[in-house]
Protein backbone atom coordinates (compact mmCIF):
# COMPACT_ATOMS: atom_id res chain seq x y z
CA ASN A 1 -8.06 38.23 6.22
CA GLN A 2 -6.74 35.21 4.42
CA ASN A 3 -3.80 36.89 2.58
CA ASN A 4 -1.58 33.70 2.83
CA ARG A 5 -4.23 31.59 0.92
CA ILE A 6 -5.28 34.18 -2.03
CA THR A 7 -3.61 36.69 -4.15
CA PHE A 8 -5.45 39.96 -5.21
CA PRO A 9 -4.46 43.60 -6.15
CA ALA A 10 -3.89 46.17 -3.39
CA THR A 11 -6.23 48.66 -5.50
CA LEU A 12 -8.57 48.85 -8.03
CA THR A 13 -9.64 52.02 -10.18
CA ILE A 14 -12.90 52.68 -11.35
CA LYS A 15 -12.57 54.87 -14.86
CA ALA A 16 -14.49 57.83 -15.06
CA GLY A 17 -18.15 57.43 -16.87
CA GLU A 18 -18.02 53.82 -15.69
CA SER A 19 -19.75 52.15 -12.84
CA GLY A 20 -17.52 49.51 -11.55
CA ALA A 21 -14.47 47.42 -12.69
CA PHE A 22 -13.63 43.83 -11.74
CA PHE A 23 -10.27 42.09 -10.83
CA THR A 24 -9.31 38.04 -10.28
CA ILE A 25 -8.46 36.43 -7.19
CA GLN A 26 -5.84 33.56 -7.38
CA SER A 27 -6.05 30.95 -4.85
CA THR A 28 -2.50 29.70 -3.34
CA ASP A 29 -2.01 25.75 -3.34
CA ASN A 30 0.43 25.36 -0.29
CA ALA A 31 0.43 21.68 -0.48
CA VAL A 32 -0.05 21.71 3.46
CA LEU A 33 -3.40 20.21 4.95
CA ASP A 34 -5.48 23.37 6.24
CA ALA A 35 -9.21 23.47 7.55
CA ASP A 36 -11.69 25.23 5.15
CA SER A 37 -11.94 28.81 5.61
CA THR A 38 -13.87 31.93 5.19
CA CYS A 39 -12.05 34.94 3.28
CA ILE A 40 -13.81 38.66 3.83
CA LEU A 41 -12.68 40.98 1.28
CA TYR A 42 -12.76 44.41 1.96
CA ALA A 43 -13.14 47.42 -0.53
CA LYS A 44 -13.07 51.20 0.58
CA ASN A 45 -12.51 54.45 -0.67
CA VAL A 46 -12.77 58.05 1.23
CA ASP A 47 -15.80 58.97 -0.43
CA TYR A 48 -17.58 55.47 -0.14
CA THR A 49 -18.78 53.54 2.46
CA GLU A 50 -16.51 50.66 3.38
CA VAL A 51 -17.97 46.99 1.68
CA THR A 52 -17.16 43.53 2.44
CA ASP A 53 -17.92 40.03 0.94
CA THR A 54 -16.73 36.74 1.85
CA LEU A 55 -15.23 33.86 -0.03
CA ILE A 56 -15.27 30.35 0.89
CA ILE A 57 -11.65 28.54 0.60
CA TYR A 58 -11.64 24.70 0.23
CA ASP A 59 -8.50 23.11 1.01
CA ASN A 60 -7.75 20.53 -2.10
CA GLU A 61 -5.32 18.26 0.62
CA LEU A 62 -6.64 15.42 2.36
CA PRO A 63 -6.13 13.68 5.58
CA ALA A 64 -3.92 10.64 4.86
CA LEU A 65 -4.69 7.25 6.11
CA THR A 66 -2.06 5.21 7.16
CA VAL A 67 -1.61 1.22 6.95
CA SER A 68 0.94 -0.81 8.09
CA VAL A 69 1.91 -4.72 8.42
CA SER A 70 4.29 -5.96 11.39
CA LYS A 71 6.02 -8.32 9.06
CA ALA A 72 7.73 -7.54 5.54
CA MET A 73 7.62 -11.35 4.63
CA LEU A 74 4.91 -13.73 5.64
CA ALA A 75 4.91 -17.13 4.72
CA GLU A 76 1.71 -19.61 4.38
CA ALA A 77 -0.25 -20.00 7.71
CA GLU A 78 1.38 -17.25 8.74
CA SER A 79 0.00 -14.30 10.59
CA ALA A 80 0.77 -10.79 11.04
CA THR A 81 -0.55 -7.31 12.64
CA LEU A 82 -2.37 -5.02 10.06
CA GLN A 83 -2.71 -1.37 11.44
CA VAL A 84 -4.79 1.05 10.01
CA GLY A 85 -4.59 4.70 11.42
CA ARG A 86 -5.75 8.47 10.73
CA PRO A 87 -4.16 11.53 11.56
CA VAL A 88 -6.40 12.88 14.60
CA ALA A 89 -8.63 11.20 16.93
CA ASN A 90 -12.24 12.28 17.04
CA SER A 91 -15.48 11.75 18.40
CA LYS A 92 -16.79 9.77 15.38
CA SER A 93 -16.04 6.50 14.05
CA LEU A 94 -14.34 5.69 10.73
CA THR A 95 -14.81 2.75 8.33
CA VAL A 96 -11.87 1.87 6.09
CA LYS A 97 -12.01 0.03 2.96
CA LEU A 98 -9.29 -2.38 2.64
CA SER A 99 -8.19 -4.32 -0.64
CA ASN A 100 -5.51 -6.09 -1.83
CA ASN A 101 -4.10 -7.92 -5.23
CA GLN A 102 -3.60 -11.33 -3.68
CA ALA A 103 -7.20 -12.24 -2.50
CA LYS A 104 -6.74 -15.99 -3.18
CA ARG A 105 -3.41 -15.97 -0.58
CA LEU A 106 -4.25 -13.35 1.87
CA ASN A 107 -7.07 -13.30 4.28
CA LEU A 108 -8.28 -9.76 4.58
CA PRO A 109 -11.51 -8.12 5.71
CA THR A 110 -13.27 -5.79 3.23
CA SER A 111 -13.28 -3.02 5.68
CA LEU A 112 -11.96 -2.06 9.13
CA THR A 113 -13.57 0.36 11.69
CA ILE A 114 -11.43 2.87 13.65
CA PRO A 115 -13.47 3.40 16.77
CA ALA A 116 -14.55 6.72 18.10
CA ASN A 117 -11.77 8.78 20.03
CA GLN A 118 -8.95 6.57 18.65
CA LYS A 119 -6.71 7.00 15.84
CA SER A 120 -5.77 3.69 14.84
CA VAL A 121 -7.22 -0.31 14.96
CA SER A 122 -5.37 -3.35 14.43
CA PHE A 123 -6.30 -6.60 12.88
CA SER A 124 -4.15 -9.88 12.75
CA LEU A 125 -3.88 -10.96 8.98
CA MET A 126 -3.45 -14.23 7.90
CA SER A 127 -1.69 -15.89 4.89
CA VAL A 128 -3.80 -18.69 3.31
CA ASP A 129 -2.12 -22.16 3.69
CA ASP A 130 -3.48 -23.74 0.17
CA ASN A 131 -1.27 -26.93 0.07
CA LEU A 132 -0.26 -25.77 -3.65
CA PRO A 133 3.30 -24.68 -4.65
CA ALA A 134 3.81 -21.35 -6.01
CA LEU A 135 5.86 -18.85 -6.30
CA PRO A 136 6.85 -15.91 -3.68
CA VAL A 137 4.43 -12.77 -4.92
CA ASP A 138 4.19 -9.03 -3.72
CA ALA A 139 0.93 -8.26 -1.83
CA SER A 140 -0.55 -4.68 -1.80
CA ILE A 141 -2.84 -3.68 0.68
CA ILE A 142 -4.71 -0.39 0.05
CA ALA A 143 -6.64 1.28 2.70
CA SER A 144 -9.15 3.92 1.74
CA ALA A 145 -11.82 6.43 3.03
CA THR A 146 -14.14 9.08 1.92
CA GLY A 147 -12.30 12.62 2.82
CA PHE A 148 -8.91 10.99 3.18
CA ALA A 149 -5.75 10.14 0.94
CA THR A 150 -5.34 6.44 0.60
CA ASP A 151 -2.22 4.67 1.54
CA THR A 152 -0.44 1.29 0.39
CA ALA A 153 1.21 -1.47 2.70
CA THR A 154 3.28 -4.36 0.74
CA LEU A 155 4.51 -7.41 2.00
CA THR A 156 6.03 -10.43 0.24
CA LEU A 157 3.84 -13.60 0.26
CA THR A 158 6.19 -17.05 0.55
CA ASP A 159 4.80 -20.44 -0.05
CA ASN A 160 5.40 -23.70 2.29
CA ASP A 161 4.34 -26.09 -0.23
CA MET A 162 7.56 -26.36 -2.60
CA PRO A 163 8.16 -29.45 -3.63
CA GLN A 164 10.96 -31.43 -2.54
CA LEU A 165 13.64 -33.85 -4.21
CA SER A 166 15.15 -36.81 -3.10
CA LEU A 167 18.21 -38.71 -4.08
CA SER A 168 19.56 -42.14 -3.16
CA PHE A 169 22.15 -44.56 -4.51
CA SER A 170 21.82 -48.12 -4.78
CA PRO A 171 24.12 -49.47 -3.72
CA ALA A 172 25.36 -46.94 -1.50
CA SER A 173 29.26 -47.79 -1.72
CA ILE A 174 31.03 -49.07 -4.75
CA SER A 175 34.37 -49.84 -5.93
CA GLU A 176 36.20 -47.97 -8.51
CA SER A 177 36.51 -50.91 -10.55
CA ALA A 178 32.54 -51.36 -10.66
CA GLY A 179 32.12 -50.15 -14.16
CA ALA A 180 29.63 -47.75 -15.88
CA GLN A 181 26.92 -49.41 -13.92
CA ALA A 182 28.14 -49.12 -10.62
CA SER A 183 25.34 -47.86 -8.76
CA VAL A 184 21.71 -46.72 -9.46
CA VAL A 185 20.86 -43.16 -8.65
CA THR A 186 17.15 -42.74 -7.98
CA VAL A 187 15.85 -39.25 -7.94
CA LYS A 188 12.27 -38.49 -6.55
CA ARG A 189 10.16 -35.55 -6.05
CA SER A 190 7.74 -35.08 -2.96
CA SER A 191 4.36 -34.81 -5.46
CA VAL A 192 3.38 -36.23 -8.63
CA THR A 193 2.03 -33.71 -10.95
CA ASN A 194 1.24 -33.45 -14.95
CA ASN A 195 4.30 -31.70 -15.55
CA ALA A 196 7.59 -33.03 -16.29
CA ILE A 197 10.55 -31.39 -14.63
CA THR A 198 14.53 -31.15 -15.57
CA VAL A 199 17.05 -31.96 -12.31
CA LYS A 200 20.65 -30.66 -13.05
CA ILE A 201 22.98 -33.38 -11.93
CA SER A 202 26.47 -32.02 -10.49
CA ASP A 203 28.86 -33.60 -8.05
CA HIS A 204 31.73 -32.68 -6.23
CA ALA A 205 34.32 -34.27 -7.43
CA ALA A 206 34.70 -32.47 -10.72
CA GLY A 207 32.98 -35.32 -12.91
CA ALA A 208 34.77 -38.17 -11.70
CA LEU A 209 31.59 -40.05 -10.76
CA LEU A 210 29.62 -39.51 -13.71
């Protein structure tokens, strides 16, 4: 009664002088999410009473969770909506575990619960404002639950603490005959660190000012 899920020979011959014979059954992996099912196999011959036996077929495809973020890019101190879902709502709640590879820069609960009779749940995701300069990074958020295939959402975390430079002239106006030290240029950075930095100097006059 499950010809689309298993394959087996249409007939079997028990040789003369032998009490029985065997054959093998091959299950079909259809890559489709199916319910587990019971297969009933029938064997009959005109001279014998029909016999049956049952075989349980377990599906190896899991229902998939979904996880999504409302923004592809998130700056420090900004928020976005995280949504976790399941394919079908049922009468039981589902606890979904959450993990991410940027725990210091992204406030994320360890789990979310999808309420009974609901397909999804949402959460306000917040990027941590640590007042430290950092390069943009990609954060991967993984949703997992027992009996479900995992899903991953990715977003880029950007920084709002990048150091700023300032440039000033003293004096701000000069004569073209003022010479080599006509004006002193001061370059400052917004915060002092233990690291030296090299600043590229250029002008729009093809080097005539330097």
